[in-house]
Amino acid sequence: MTEKNRFLSVRLTETARKHLDELAEKSGLSLSNTIRACINGTELRERQSAEIKDLYTEINRIGTNINQIARKINAGIGTESDVWETLFLLSKVYQLMEQVAER
C-alpha cells in the first residue's frame, strides 16, 4: 500500500460538507476514505444493513456445515442422514438467499 504522507486541508461550503458527510455515512467509510474514493472514481455503495450482514453470516455458517458433511461423504464415512441434512441445509440456504434478494 502506498504511504499516505501528504496532508490536504480544504474548505467546503456547508452544503458540500453535508453532502460529504452523507456519502461517508451511507458508505460506512471515514471522511478521508470517502474523499479518496471520489478522487479515484470508485463507486460508493451503501453499507449493508445489519440484517443483511446477519443473513450472510448465517449462510456462511451453513456453508461450512455443508463442506464438513461433503468431506465425510467423500471420505466414505458419510451416512444417509448426512445426505438428508445436506439437502435440508441447502434448502435453508435457498430460503436465506431469497430473503437477501428481497431486501
C-alpha atoms as a PDB file:
ATOM      1  CA  MET A   1       0.000   0.000   0.000  1.00  0.00           C
ATOM      2  CA  THR A   2       1.223   3.441  -0.856  1.00  0.00           C
ATOM      3  CA  GLU A   3       2.257   5.590   2.088  1.00  0.00           C
ATOM      4  CA  LYS A   4      -0.088   8.479   2.699  1.00  0.00           C
ATOM      5  CA  ASN A   5       2.278  11.259   3.658  1.00  0.00           C
ATOM      6  CA  ARG A   6       0.607  14.276   2.041  1.00  0.00           C
ATOM      7  CA  PHE A   7      -1.856  16.321   4.070  1.00  0.00           C
ATOM      8  CA  LEU A   8      -4.607  18.393   2.481  1.00  0.00           C
ATOM      9  CA  SER A   9      -6.752  20.934   4.238  1.00  0.00           C
ATOM     10  CA  VAL A  10      -9.781  22.078   2.307  1.00  0.00           C
ATOM     11  CA  ARG A  11     -12.609  24.499   2.932  1.00  0.00           C
ATOM     12  CA  LEU A  12     -16.106  23.462   1.930  1.00  0.00           C
ATOM     13  CA  THR A  13     -19.475  25.130   1.844  1.00  0.00           C
ATOM     14  CA  GLU A  14     -21.981  23.900   4.392  1.00  0.00           C
ATOM     15  CA  THR A  15     -23.866  22.147   1.591  1.00  0.00           C
ATOM     16  CA  ALA A  16     -20.748  20.396   0.267  1.00  0.00           C
ATOM     17  CA  ARG A  17     -19.777  19.286   3.774  1.00  0.00           C
ATOM     18  CA  LYS A  18     -23.252  17.885   4.440  1.00  0.00           C
ATOM     19  CA  HIS A  19     -23.067  16.019   1.137  1.00  0.00           C
ATOM     20  CA  LEU A  20     -19.658  14.600   2.045  1.00  0.00           C
ATOM     21  CA  ASP A  21     -20.923  13.571   5.493  1.00  0.00           C
ATOM     22  CA  GLU A  22     -23.933  11.848   3.907  1.00  0.00           C
ATOM     23  CA  LEU A  23     -21.717   9.947   1.463  1.00  0.00           C
ATOM     24  CA  ALA A  24     -19.465   8.805   4.294  1.00  0.00           C
ATOM     25  CA  GLU A  25     -22.400   7.769   6.476  1.00  0.00           C
ATOM     26  CA  LYS A  26     -24.155   5.810   3.710  1.00  0.00           C
ATOM     27  CA  SER A  27     -20.981   4.026   2.629  1.00  0.00           C
ATOM     28  CA  GLY A  28     -19.670   3.410   6.133  1.00  0.00           C
ATOM     29  CA  LEU A  29     -16.314   4.931   5.197  1.00  0.00           C
ATOM     30  CA  SER A  30     -14.346   7.568   7.042  1.00  0.00           C
ATOM     31  CA  LEU A  31     -14.309  11.061   5.557  1.00  0.00           C
ATOM     32  CA  SER A  32     -10.731  10.522   4.330  1.00  0.00           C
ATOM     33  CA  ASN A  33     -11.585   7.244   2.620  1.00  0.00           C
ATOM     34  CA  THR A  34     -14.716   8.772   1.107  1.00  0.00           C
ATOM     35  CA  ILE A  35     -12.662  11.605  -0.395  1.00  0.00           C
ATOM     36  CA  ARG A  36     -10.056   9.121  -1.689  1.00  0.00           C
ATOM     37  CA  ALA A  37     -12.797   7.018  -3.273  1.00  0.00           C
ATOM     38  CA  CYS A  38     -14.234  10.081  -5.015  1.00  0.00           C
ATOM     39  CA  ILE A  39     -10.794  11.120  -6.270  1.00  0.00           C
ATOM     40  CA  ASN A  40     -10.110   7.615  -7.592  1.00  0.00           C
ATOM     41  CA  GLY A  41     -13.513   7.409  -9.275  1.00  0.00           C
ATOM     42  CA  THR A  42     -14.519   4.464  -7.113  1.00  0.00           C
ATOM     43  CA  GLU A  43     -18.242   3.818  -6.923  1.00  0.00           C
ATOM     44  CA  LEU A  44     -19.501   4.372  -3.398  1.00  0.00           C
ATOM     45  CA  ARG A  45     -22.055   1.765  -2.387  1.00  0.00           C
ATOM     46  CA  GLU A  46     -24.370   1.872   0.563  1.00  0.00           C
ATOM     47  CA  ARG A  47     -23.254  -0.058   3.591  1.00  0.00           C
ATOM     48  CA  GLN A  48     -25.183  -3.264   4.103  1.00  0.00           C
ATOM     49  CA  SER A  49     -27.723  -3.295   6.878  1.00  0.00           C
ATOM     50  CA  ALA A  50     -27.080  -5.341   9.998  1.00  0.00           C
ATOM     51  CA  GLU A  51     -29.900  -7.664   8.956  1.00  0.00           C
ATOM     52  CA  ILE A  52     -28.249  -8.434   5.612  1.00  0.00           C
ATOM     53  CA  LYS A  53     -24.896  -8.995   7.344  1.00  0.00           C
ATOM     54  CA  ASP A  54     -26.590 -11.427   9.725  1.00  0.00           C
ATOM     55  CA  LEU A  55     -28.129 -13.314   6.801  1.00  0.00           C
ATOM     56  CA  TYR A  56     -24.735 -13.581   5.078  1.00  0.00           C
ATOM     57  CA  THR A  57     -23.158 -14.809   8.320  1.00  0.00           C
ATOM     58  CA  GLU A  58     -25.812 -17.489   8.693  1.00  0.00           C
ATOM     59  CA  ILE A  59     -25.370 -18.566   5.069  1.00  0.00           C
ATOM     60  CA  ASN A  60     -21.600 -18.845   5.614  1.00  0.00           C
ATOM     61  CA  ARG A  61     -22.097 -20.997   8.717  1.00  0.00           C
ATOM     62  CA  ILE A  62     -24.434 -23.295   6.837  1.00  0.00           C
ATOM     63  CA  GLY A  63     -21.897 -23.496   4.003  1.00  0.00           C
ATOM     64  CA  THR A  64     -19.248 -24.585   6.489  1.00  0.00           C
ATOM     65  CA  ASN A  65     -21.544 -27.352   7.736  1.00  0.00           C
ATOM     66  CA  ILE A  66     -22.224 -28.485   4.181  1.00  0.00           C
ATOM     67  CA  ASN A  67     -18.474 -28.605   3.456  1.00  0.00           C
ATOM     68  CA  GLN A  68     -17.860 -30.736   6.552  1.00  0.00           C
ATOM     69  CA  ILE A  69     -20.581 -33.153   5.504  1.00  0.00           C
ATOM     70  CA  ALA A  70     -19.188 -33.274   1.956  1.00  0.00           C
ATOM     71  CA  ARG A  71     -15.742 -34.194   3.334  1.00  0.00           C
ATOM     72  CA  LYS A  72     -17.270 -37.043   5.336  1.00  0.00           C
ATOM     73  CA  ILE A  73     -19.138 -38.334   2.307  1.00  0.00           C
ATOM     74  CA  ASN A  74     -16.062 -38.061   0.061  1.00  0.00           C
ATOM     75  CA  ALA A  75     -14.019 -39.926   2.672  1.00  0.00           C
ATOM     76  CA  GLY A  76     -16.561 -42.751   2.545  1.00  0.00           C
ATOM     77  CA  ILE A  77     -17.765 -42.310   6.124  1.00  0.00           C
ATOM     78  CA  GLY A  78     -20.913 -40.326   5.413  1.00  0.00           C
ATOM     79  CA  THR A  79     -24.318 -41.685   6.295  1.00  0.00           C
ATOM     80  CA  GLU A  80     -27.733 -41.392   4.748  1.00  0.00           C
ATOM     81  CA  SER A  81     -28.669 -38.902   7.469  1.00  0.00           C
ATOM     82  CA  ASP A  82     -25.720 -36.757   6.335  1.00  0.00           C
ATOM     83  CA  VAL A  83     -27.226 -36.626   2.856  1.00  0.00           C
ATOM     84  CA  TRP A  84     -30.612 -35.621   4.266  1.00  0.00           C
ATOM     85  CA  GLU A  85     -29.001 -32.987   6.466  1.00  0.00           C
ATOM     86  CA  THR A  86     -27.181 -31.590   3.442  1.00  0.00           C
ATOM     87  CA  LEU A  87     -30.427 -31.337   1.492  1.00  0.00           C
ATOM     88  CA  PHE A  88     -32.070 -29.600   4.442  1.00  0.00           C
ATOM     89  CA  LEU A  89     -29.178 -27.145   4.755  1.00  0.00           C
ATOM     90  CA  LEU A  90     -29.228 -26.415   1.028  1.00  0.00           C
ATOM     91  CA  SER A  91     -32.944 -25.608   1.215  1.00  0.00           C
ATOM     92  CA  LYS A  92     -32.205 -23.321   4.178  1.00  0.00           C
ATOM     93  CA  VAL A  93     -29.533 -21.513   2.131  1.00  0.00           C
ATOM     94  CA  TYR A  94     -32.032 -21.103  -0.706  1.00  0.00           C
ATOM     95  CA  GLN A  95     -34.570 -19.547   1.699  1.00  0.00           C
ATOM     96  CA  LEU A  96     -31.973 -17.181   3.153  1.00  0.00           C
ATOM     97  CA  MET A  97     -30.806 -16.131  -0.307  1.00  0.00           C
ATOM     98  CA  GLU A  98     -34.403 -15.297  -1.201  1.00  0.00           C
ATOM     99  CA  GLN A  99     -34.552 -13.067   1.880  1.00  0.00           C
ATOM    100  CA  VAL A 100     -31.349 -11.325   0.834  1.00  0.00           C
ATOM    101  CA  ALA A 101     -32.671 -10.815  -2.695  1.00  0.00           C
ATOM    102  CA  GLU A 102     -35.909  -9.276  -1.393  1.00  0.00           C
ATOM    103  CA  ARG A 103     -34.064  -6.581   0.580  1.00  0.00           C
END
